[in-house]
C-alpha atoms as a PDB file:
ATOM      1  CA  UNK A   1      82.856  19.704 -46.950  1.00  0.00           C
ATOM      2  CA  UNK A   2      80.856  18.401 -49.917  1.00  0.00           C
ATOM      3  CA  UNK A   3      81.572  19.150 -53.549  1.00  0.00           C
ATOM      4  CA  UNK A   4      78.336  21.194 -53.808  1.00  0.00           C
ATOM      5  CA  UNK A   5      78.341  22.762 -50.359  1.00  0.00           C
ATOM      6  CA  UNK A   6      75.927  25.717 -50.206  1.00  0.00           C
ATOM      7  CA  UNK A   7      75.030  25.376 -53.903  1.00  0.00           C
ATOM      8  CA  UNK A   8      71.477  25.644 -55.207  1.00  0.00           C
ATOM      9  CA  UNK A   9      70.564  22.846 -57.630  1.00  0.00           C
ATOM     10  CA  UNK A  10      67.567  22.005 -59.812  1.00  0.00           C
ATOM     11  CA  UNK A  11      67.038  18.529 -61.278  1.00  0.00           C
ATOM     12  CA  UNK A  12      64.306  18.107 -63.892  1.00  0.00           C
ATOM     13  CA  UNK A  13      62.908  14.605 -64.173  1.00  0.00           C
ATOM     14  CA  UNK A  14      64.191  13.983 -60.685  1.00  0.00           C
ATOM     15  CA  UNK A  15      61.552  11.660 -59.258  1.00  0.00           C
ATOM     16  CA  UNK A  16      62.885   8.362 -60.632  1.00  0.00           C
ATOM     17  CA  UNK A  17      65.994   6.689 -61.990  1.00  0.00           C
ATOM     18  CA  UNK A  18      69.039   8.787 -62.824  1.00  0.00           C
ATOM     19  CA  UNK A  19      67.386  12.036 -61.750  1.00  0.00           C
ATOM     20  CA  UNK A  20      66.438  10.699 -58.337  1.00  0.00           C
ATOM     21  CA  UNK A  21      69.877   9.183 -57.746  1.00  0.00           C
ATOM     22  CA  UNK A  22      71.491  12.483 -58.730  1.00  0.00           C
ATOM     23  CA  UNK A  23      69.207  14.508 -56.464  1.00  0.00           C
ATOM     24  CA  UNK A  24      70.217  12.313 -53.519  1.00  0.00           C
ATOM     25  CA  UNK A  25      73.913  12.619 -54.348  1.00  0.00           C
ATOM     26  CA  UNK A  26      73.698  16.390 -54.788  1.00  0.00           C
ATOM     27  CA  UNK A  27      72.055  16.652 -51.356  1.00  0.00           C
ATOM     28  CA  UNK A  28      74.731  14.414 -49.803  1.00  0.00           C
ATOM     29  CA  UNK A  29      77.345  16.757 -51.271  1.00  0.00           C
ATOM     30  CA  UNK A  30      75.804  19.780 -49.585  1.00  0.00           C
ATOM     31  CA  UNK A  31      73.444  21.219 -52.207  1.00  0.00           C
ATOM     32  CA  UNK A  32      69.975  22.580 -51.610  1.00  0.00           C
ATOM     33  CA  UNK A  33      68.035  20.570 -54.201  1.00  0.00           C
ATOM     34  CA  UNK A  34      64.729  20.971 -56.028  1.00  0.00           C
ATOM     35  CA  UNK A  35      63.458  18.195 -58.287  1.00  0.00           C
ATOM     36  CA  UNK A  36      60.603  18.229 -60.789  1.00  0.00           C
ATOM     37  CA  UNK A  37      58.291  15.670 -62.336  1.00  0.00           C
ATOM     38  CA  UNK A  38      54.754  15.271 -63.668  1.00  0.00           C
ATOM     39  CA  UNK A  39      53.560  11.789 -62.731  1.00  0.00           C
ATOM     40  CA  UNK A  40      51.444  12.042 -59.544  1.00  0.00           C
ATOM     41  CA  UNK A  41      52.517   8.575 -58.393  1.00  0.00           C
ATOM     42  CA  UNK A  42      56.262   9.155 -58.756  1.00  0.00           C
ATOM     43  CA  UNK A  43      55.968  12.677 -57.375  1.00  0.00           C
ATOM     44  CA  UNK A  44      54.414  11.315 -54.193  1.00  0.00           C
ATOM     45  CA  UNK A  45      56.983   8.532 -53.939  1.00  0.00           C
ATOM     46  CA  UNK A  46      59.815  11.030 -54.406  1.00  0.00           C
ATOM     47  CA  UNK A  47      58.370  13.344 -51.742  1.00  0.00           C
ATOM     48  CA  UNK A  48      58.511  10.441 -49.336  1.00  0.00           C
ATOM     49  CA  UNK A  49      62.004   9.321 -50.347  1.00  0.00           C
ATOM     50  CA  UNK A  50      63.482  12.829 -50.471  1.00  0.00           C
ATOM     51  CA  UNK A  51      61.736  14.203 -47.393  1.00  0.00           C
ATOM     52  CA  UNK A  52      64.102  16.476 -45.530  1.00  0.00           C
ATOM     53  CA  UNK A  53      66.761  16.510 -48.259  1.00  0.00           C
ATOM     54  CA  UNK A  54      65.070  17.925 -51.391  1.00  0.00           C
ATOM     55  CA  UNK A  55      62.012  19.879 -52.499  1.00  0.00           C
ATOM     56  CA  UNK A  56      59.746  18.093 -54.998  1.00  0.00           C
ATOM     57  CA  UNK A  57      57.699  20.209 -57.422  1.00  0.00           C
ATOM     58  CA  UNK A  58      55.120  19.241 -60.032  1.00  0.00           C
ATOM     59  CA  UNK A  59      56.287  20.902 -63.259  1.00  0.00           C
ATOM     60  CA  UNK A  60      55.989  19.888 -66.924  1.00  0.00           C
ATOM     61  CA  UNK A  61      59.513  19.946 -68.358  1.00  0.00           C
ATOM     62  CA  UNK A  62      58.167  20.624 -71.851  1.00  0.00           C
ATOM     63  CA  UNK A  63      55.859  23.521 -70.971  1.00  0.00           C
ATOM     64  CA  UNK A  64      57.232  27.042 -71.213  1.00  0.00           C
ATOM     65  CA  UNK A  65      54.520  28.255 -68.829  1.00  0.00           C
ATOM     66  CA  UNK A  66      55.609  25.745 -66.176  1.00  0.00           C
ATOM     67  CA  UNK A  67      59.303  26.414 -66.776  1.00  0.00           C
ATOM     68  CA  UNK A  68      58.837  30.186 -66.550  1.00  0.00           C
ATOM     69  CA  UNK A  69      56.719  29.837 -63.405  1.00  0.00           C
ATOM     70  CA  UNK A  70      59.382  27.714 -61.705  1.00  0.00           C
ATOM     71  CA  UNK A  71      62.107  30.157 -62.727  1.00  0.00           C
ATOM     72  CA  UNK A  72      60.030  32.995 -61.295  1.00  0.00           C
ATOM     73  CA  UNK A  73      59.800  31.145 -57.978  1.00  0.00           C
ATOM     74  CA  UNK A  74      63.609  30.898 -57.841  1.00  0.00           C
ATOM     75  CA  UNK A  75      63.885  34.588 -58.707  1.00  0.00           C
ATOM     76  CA  UNK A  76      61.441  35.533 -55.944  1.00  0.00           C
ATOM     77  CA  UNK A  77      63.406  33.469 -53.429  1.00  0.00           C
ATOM     78  CA  UNK A  78      66.463  35.497 -54.355  1.00  0.00           C
ATOM     79  CA  UNK A  79      68.756  32.511 -53.899  1.00  0.00           C
ATOM     80  CA  UNK A  80      69.952  32.256 -57.475  1.00  0.00           C
ATOM     81  CA  UNK A  81      70.952  28.939 -59.021  1.00  0.00           C
ATOM     82  CA  UNK A  82      74.289  27.142 -59.285  1.00  0.00           C
ATOM     83  CA  UNK A  83      73.526  23.763 -60.860  1.00  0.00           C
ATOM     84  CA  UNK A  84      70.896  22.913 -63.474  1.00  0.00           C
ATOM     85  CA  UNK A  85      70.617  19.211 -64.362  1.00  0.00           C
ATOM     86  CA  UNK A  86      68.238  18.891 -67.320  1.00  0.00           C
ATOM     87  CA  UNK A  87      67.385  15.219 -67.113  1.00  0.00           C
ATOM     88  CA  UNK A  88      63.666  15.016 -67.941  1.00  0.00           C
ATOM     89  CA  UNK A  89      62.916  12.990 -71.045  1.00  0.00           C
ATOM     90  CA  UNK A  90      60.734  10.333 -72.613  1.00  0.00           C
ATOM     91  CA  UNK A  91      61.501   7.337 -74.808  1.00  0.00           C
ATOM     92  CA  UNK A  92      59.258   6.568 -77.777  1.00  0.00           C
ATOM     93  CA  UNK A  93      60.356   3.786 -80.113  1.00  0.00           C
ATOM     94  CA  UNK A  94      58.921   2.558 -83.422  1.00  0.00           C
ATOM     95  CA  UNK A  95      60.195   1.764 -86.911  1.00  0.00           C
ATOM     96  CA  UNK A  96      60.126   4.812 -89.177  1.00  0.00           C
ATOM     97  CA  UNK A  97      57.419   3.194 -91.318  1.00  0.00           C
ATOM     98  CA  UNK A  98      55.174   3.000 -88.255  1.00  0.00           C
ATOM     99  CA  UNK A  99      56.106   6.370 -86.788  1.00  0.00           C
ATOM    100  CA  UNK A 100      53.333   8.154 -84.937  1.00  0.00           C
ATOM    101  CA  UNK A 101      53.341  11.930 -85.449  1.00  0.00           C
ATOM    102  CA  UNK A 102      52.059  12.588 -81.935  1.00  0.00           C
ATOM    103  CA  UNK A 103      54.925  10.554 -80.452  1.00  0.00           C
ATOM    104  CA  UNK A 104      57.381  12.567 -82.553  1.00  0.00           C
ATOM    105  CA  UNK A 105      55.938  15.888 -81.384  1.00  0.00           C
ATOM    106  CA  UNK A 106      55.820  14.871 -77.715  1.00  0.00           C
ATOM    107  CA  UNK A 107      59.378  13.540 -77.807  1.00  0.00           C
ATOM    108  CA  UNK A 108      60.769  16.777 -79.194  1.00  0.00           C
ATOM    109  CA  UNK A 109      58.579  18.860 -76.874  1.00  0.00           C
ATOM    110  CA  UNK A 110      59.980  17.268 -73.738  1.00  0.00           C
ATOM    111  CA  UNK A 111      63.437  16.092 -74.819  1.00  0.00           C
ATOM    112  CA  UNK A 112      64.563  19.126 -76.837  1.00  0.00           C
ATOM    113  CA  UNK A 113      62.263  22.116 -76.494  1.00  0.00           C
ATOM    114  CA  UNK A 114      62.096  21.718 -72.721  1.00  0.00           C
ATOM    115  CA  UNK A 115      65.860  21.845 -72.094  1.00  0.00           C
ATOM    116  CA  UNK A 116      66.259  24.769 -74.495  1.00  0.00           C
ATOM    117  CA  UNK A 117      63.545  26.758 -72.719  1.00  0.00           C
ATOM    118  CA  UNK A 118      64.952  25.817 -69.317  1.00  0.00           C
ATOM    119  CA  UNK A 119      68.327  27.238 -70.323  1.00  0.00           C
ATOM    120  CA  UNK A 120      66.558  30.358 -71.620  1.00  0.00           C
ATOM    121  CA  UNK A 121      64.691  30.974 -68.368  1.00  0.00           C
ATOM    122  CA  UNK A 122      67.164  29.702 -65.750  1.00  0.00           C
ATOM    123  CA  UNK A 123      70.552  30.783 -67.091  1.00  0.00           C
ATOM    124  CA  UNK A 124      69.903  34.466 -66.211  1.00  0.00           C
ATOM    125  CA  UNK A 125      69.461  33.348 -62.583  1.00  0.00           C
ATOM    126  CA  UNK A 126      72.712  31.377 -62.476  1.00  0.00           C
ATOM    127  CA  UNK A 127      75.730  32.714 -60.648  1.00  0.00           C
ATOM    128  CA  UNK A 128      79.219  32.821 -62.210  1.00  0.00           C
ATOM    129  CA  UNK A 129      80.797  29.406 -61.882  1.00  0.00           C
ATOM    130  CA  UNK A 130      77.459  27.717 -62.434  1.00  0.00           C
ATOM    131  CA  UNK A 131      77.053  24.448 -64.290  1.00  0.00           C
ATOM    132  CA  UNK A 132      74.390  23.106 -66.629  1.00  0.00           C
ATOM    133  CA  UNK A 133      74.366  19.374 -67.358  1.00  0.00           C
ATOM    134  CA  UNK A 134      72.077  17.875 -69.994  1.00  0.00           C
ATOM    135  CA  UNK A 135      71.205  14.199 -70.262  1.00  0.00           C
ATOM    136  CA  UNK A 136      72.088  12.855 -73.670  1.00  0.00           C
ATOM    137  CA  UNK A 137      72.486   9.223 -74.695  1.00  0.00           C
ATOM    138  CA  UNK A 138      74.826   7.033 -76.682  1.00  0.00           C
ATOM    139  CA  UNK A 139      71.986   6.651 -79.209  1.00  0.00           C
ATOM    140  CA  UNK A 140      72.719  10.212 -80.295  1.00  0.00           C
ATOM    141  CA  UNK A 141      75.841   8.737 -81.937  1.00  0.00           C
ATOM    142  CA  UNK A 142      74.565   5.332 -83.003  1.00  0.00           C
ATOM    143  CA  UNK A 143      71.784   3.953 -85.143  1.00  0.00           C
ATOM    144  CA  UNK A 144      69.366   1.529 -83.518  1.00  0.00           C
ATOM    145  CA  UNK A 145      66.309  -0.059 -85.071  1.00  0.00           C
ATOM    146  CA  UNK A 146      63.161   1.729 -83.909  1.00  0.00           C
ATOM    147  CA  UNK A 147      65.076   4.568 -82.305  1.00  0.00           C
ATOM    148  CA  UNK A 148      64.826   7.262 -84.966  1.00  0.00           C
ATOM    149  CA  UNK A 149      62.917   9.834 -82.919  1.00  0.00           C
ATOM    150  CA  UNK A 150      64.591   9.255 -79.544  1.00  0.00           C
ATOM    151  CA  UNK A 151      68.041   9.170 -81.146  1.00  0.00           C
ATOM    152  CA  UNK A 152      67.327  12.394 -83.027  1.00  0.00           C
ATOM    153  CA  UNK A 153      66.310  14.160 -79.810  1.00  0.00           C
ATOM    154  CA  UNK A 154      69.532  13.112 -78.120  1.00  0.00           C
ATOM    155  CA  UNK A 155      71.641  14.218 -81.090  1.00  0.00           C
ATOM    156  CA  UNK A 156      69.855  17.561 -80.815  1.00  0.00           C
ATOM    157  CA  UNK A 157      70.711  17.733 -77.104  1.00  0.00           C
ATOM    158  CA  UNK A 158      74.387  17.210 -77.915  1.00  0.00           C
ATOM    159  CA  UNK A 159      74.241  20.097 -80.375  1.00  0.00           C
ATOM    160  CA  UNK A 160      72.321  22.284 -77.929  1.00  0.00           C
ATOM    161  CA  UNK A 161      74.967  21.650 -75.284  1.00  0.00           C
ATOM    162  CA  UNK A 162      77.711  22.950 -77.557  1.00  0.00           C
ATOM    163  CA  UNK A 163      75.788  26.074 -78.528  1.00  0.00           C
ATOM    164  CA  UNK A 164      74.756  26.871 -74.964  1.00  0.00           C
ATOM    165  CA  UNK A 165      78.363  26.394 -73.804  1.00  0.00           C
ATOM    166  CA  UNK A 166      79.499  28.979 -76.351  1.00  0.00           C
ATOM    167  CA  UNK A 167      76.749  31.459 -75.546  1.00  0.00           C
ATOM    168  CA  UNK A 168      77.127  31.222 -71.763  1.00  0.00           C
ATOM    169  CA  UNK A 169      80.919  31.185 -71.567  1.00  0.00           C
ATOM    170  CA  UNK A 170      81.111  34.928 -70.979  1.00  0.00           C
ATOM    171  CA  UNK A 171      78.716  34.559 -68.037  1.00  0.00           C
ATOM    172  CA  UNK A 172      81.103  31.918 -66.637  1.00  0.00           C
ATOM    173  CA  UNK A 173      78.483  29.175 -66.857  1.00  0.00           C
ATOM    174  CA  UNK A 174      79.663  25.780 -68.058  1.00  0.00           C
ATOM    175  CA  UNK A 175      77.430  23.492 -70.134  1.00  0.00           C
ATOM    176  CA  UNK A 176      78.121  19.791 -70.664  1.00  0.00           C
ATOM    177  CA  UNK A 177      76.296  16.620 -71.671  1.00  0.00           C
ATOM    178  CA  UNK A 178      76.349  13.291 -69.865  1.00  0.00           C
ATOM    179  CA  UNK A 179      75.433  10.420 -72.182  1.00  0.00           C
ATOM    180  CA  UNK A 180      74.557   7.119 -70.517  1.00  0.00           C
ATOM    181  CA  UNK A 181      74.662   3.775 -72.213  1.00  0.00           C
ATOM    182  CA  UNK A 182      72.266   0.965 -71.251  1.00  0.00           C
ATOM    183  CA  UNK A 183      71.394   1.694 -67.625  1.00  0.00           C
ATOM    184  CA  UNK A 184      69.229  -0.197 -65.150  1.00  0.00           C
ATOM    185  CA  UNK A 185      67.270   2.950 -64.283  1.00  0.00           C
ATOM    186  CA  UNK A 186      63.717   1.710 -64.829  1.00  0.00           C
ATOM    187  CA  UNK A 187      63.428   3.011 -68.395  1.00  0.00           C
ATOM    188  CA  UNK A 188      63.680  -0.471 -69.936  1.00  0.00           C
ATOM    189  CA  UNK A 189      60.623  -1.613 -67.984  1.00  0.00           C
ATOM    190  CA  UNK A 190      58.402   1.249 -69.146  1.00  0.00           C
ATOM    191  CA  UNK A 191      55.764   0.078 -71.609  1.00  0.00           C
ATOM    192  CA  UNK A 192      57.087  -3.495 -71.605  1.00  0.00           C
ATOM    193  CA  UNK A 193      56.048  -6.755 -70.014  1.00  0.00           C
ATOM    194  CA  UNK A 194      58.315  -8.372 -67.459  1.00  0.00           C
ATOM    195  CA  UNK A 195      59.362 -10.947 -70.066  1.00  0.00           C
ATOM    196  CA  UNK A 196      60.123  -8.269 -72.661  1.00  0.00           C
ATOM    197  CA  UNK A 197      62.171  -6.157 -70.276  1.00  0.00           C
ATOM    198  CA  UNK A 198      64.201  -9.145 -69.083  1.00  0.00           C
ATOM    199  CA  UNK A 199      64.877 -10.195 -72.683  1.00  0.00           C
ATOM    200  CA  UNK A 200      65.997  -6.655 -73.513  1.00  0.00           C
ATOM    201  CA  UNK A 201      68.314  -6.550 -70.511  1.00  0.00           C
ATOM    202  CA  UNK A 202      69.870  -9.908 -71.420  1.00  0.00           C
ATOM    203  CA  UNK A 203      70.516  -8.733 -74.978  1.00  0.00           C
ATOM    204  CA  UNK A 204      72.074  -5.477 -73.784  1.00  0.00           C
ATOM    205  CA  UNK A 205      74.268  -7.238 -71.221  1.00  0.00           C
ATOM    206  CA  UNK A 206      75.483  -9.660 -73.883  1.00  0.00           C
ATOM    207  CA  UNK A 207      76.581  -6.754 -76.114  1.00  0.00           C
ATOM    208  CA  UNK A 208      78.165  -4.710 -73.318  1.00  0.00           C
ATOM    209  CA  UNK A 209      81.985  -4.813 -73.104  1.00  0.00           C
ATOM    210  CA  UNK A 210      81.616  -5.001 -69.312  1.00  0.00           C
ATOM    211  CA  UNK A 211      78.826  -7.595 -69.570  1.00  0.00           C
ATOM    212  CA  UNK A 212      76.470  -5.612 -67.377  1.00  0.00           C
ATOM    213  CA  UNK A 213      74.151  -2.620 -67.308  1.00  0.00           C
ATOM    214  CA  UNK A 214      75.130   0.631 -65.681  1.00  0.00           C
ATOM    215  CA  UNK A 215      73.395   1.915 -62.569  1.00  0.00           C
ATOM    216  CA  UNK A 216      71.670   5.214 -61.918  1.00  0.00           C
ATOM    217  CA  UNK A 217      74.193   5.896 -59.180  1.00  0.00           C
ATOM    218  CA  UNK A 218      77.119   5.517 -61.596  1.00  0.00           C
ATOM    219  CA  UNK A 219      75.593   8.087 -63.940  1.00  0.00           C
ATOM    220  CA  UNK A 220      74.838  10.363 -60.975  1.00  0.00           C
ATOM    221  CA  UNK A 221      78.512  10.397 -60.002  1.00  0.00           C
ATOM    222  CA  UNK A 222      79.421  11.519 -63.523  1.00  0.00           C
ATOM    223  CA  UNK A 223      76.823  14.291 -63.308  1.00  0.00           C
ATOM    224  CA  UNK A 224      78.259  15.365 -59.949  1.00  0.00           C
ATOM    225  CA  UNK A 225      81.726  15.594 -61.505  1.00  0.00           C
ATOM    226  CA  UNK A 226      80.476  17.850 -64.320  1.00  0.00           C
ATOM    227  CA  UNK A 227      78.417  19.954 -61.884  1.00  0.00           C
ATOM    228  CA  UNK A 228      81.256  20.475 -59.417  1.00  0.00           C
ATOM    229  CA  UNK A 229      84.433  22.541 -59.461  1.00  0.00           C
ATOM    230  CA  UNK A 230      86.327  19.339 -60.291  1.00  0.00           C
ATOM    231  CA  UNK A 231      85.233  20.025 -63.888  1.00  0.00           C
ATOM    232  CA  UNK A 232      85.928  23.775 -63.785  1.00  0.00           C
ATOM    233  CA  UNK A 233      87.875  23.714 -67.081  1.00  0.00           C
ATOM    234  CA  UNK A 234      85.369  21.520 -68.928  1.00  0.00           C
ATOM    235  CA  UNK A 235      82.579  22.969 -71.058  1.00  0.00           C
ATOM    236  CA  UNK A 236      80.954  21.961 -74.340  1.00  0.00           C
ATOM    237  CA  UNK A 237      81.934  18.344 -73.689  1.00  0.00           C
ATOM    238  CA  UNK A 238      80.082  15.044 -73.784  1.00  0.00           C
ATOM    239  CA  UNK A 239      80.926  12.478 -71.118  1.00  0.00           C
ATOM    240  CA  UNK A 240      80.040   8.927 -72.134  1.00  0.00           C
ATOM    241  CA  UNK A 241      78.969   6.757 -69.186  1.00  0.00           C
ATOM    242  CA  UNK A 242      78.400   3.601 -71.178  1.00  0.00           C
ATOM    243  CA  UNK A 243      80.685   0.811 -70.025  1.00  0.00           C
ATOM    244  CA  UNK A 244      82.627   1.025 -73.274  1.00  0.00           C
ATOM    245  CA  UNK A 245      79.752   0.804 -75.758  1.00  0.00           C
ATOM    246  CA  UNK A 246      80.939   3.676 -77.938  1.00  0.00           C
ATOM    247  CA  UNK A 247      84.672   3.291 -77.409  1.00  0.00           C
ATOM    248  CA  UNK A 248      85.385  -0.450 -77.163  1.00  0.00           C
ATOM    249  CA  UNK A 249      84.766  -3.027 -79.813  1.00  0.00           C
END
């Protein structure tokens, strides 16, 4: 029997990368999975890849209207919810002197406001023993050139995870954060040329204690641990999945 047998799971930002890998793993472990996304191309690709193992829904992770509508659909189904993996996010980088206000607003809308509103609307549907996992990042603890906005959103997610863990403890819902380090999930390639992305990967690999990038599947296994009963006495924690970046010098 799988670690999530007969559980109901929702994965936001589940059409690519870490979210997609986690959706597949959740399904393999017995969960009934729904994933969300907004990009028509990746939504269609995910529907093809997840056919028969997960439901794929177009839903804006930063829109309260979309979040509330999706929560209402779960409520109407009457199935409840056991696992909520809040993975949707965007990466906007620029030096502070060149910071674009629109990029700041969109980053906080999706990366911070979205998860907070998802917890607001979905936690009342979650059964005792449920688990919420938020995607953080090692940049929430480190300073990187050009990463002021993205890093700030991930620091906010770490704080949100602690507060939500405290507020939902009485309902017997655990809340934890998984924080990946440099991961070969497709994020590095977004908005970059092939030459730029390869140069970035080489630089990251050179700095990594393990001399490699992580994989989406490795992060997914950490999410599964936090979502499952294996982590039943863990809440308010941050699990670093970073190959030693924050702990090894």
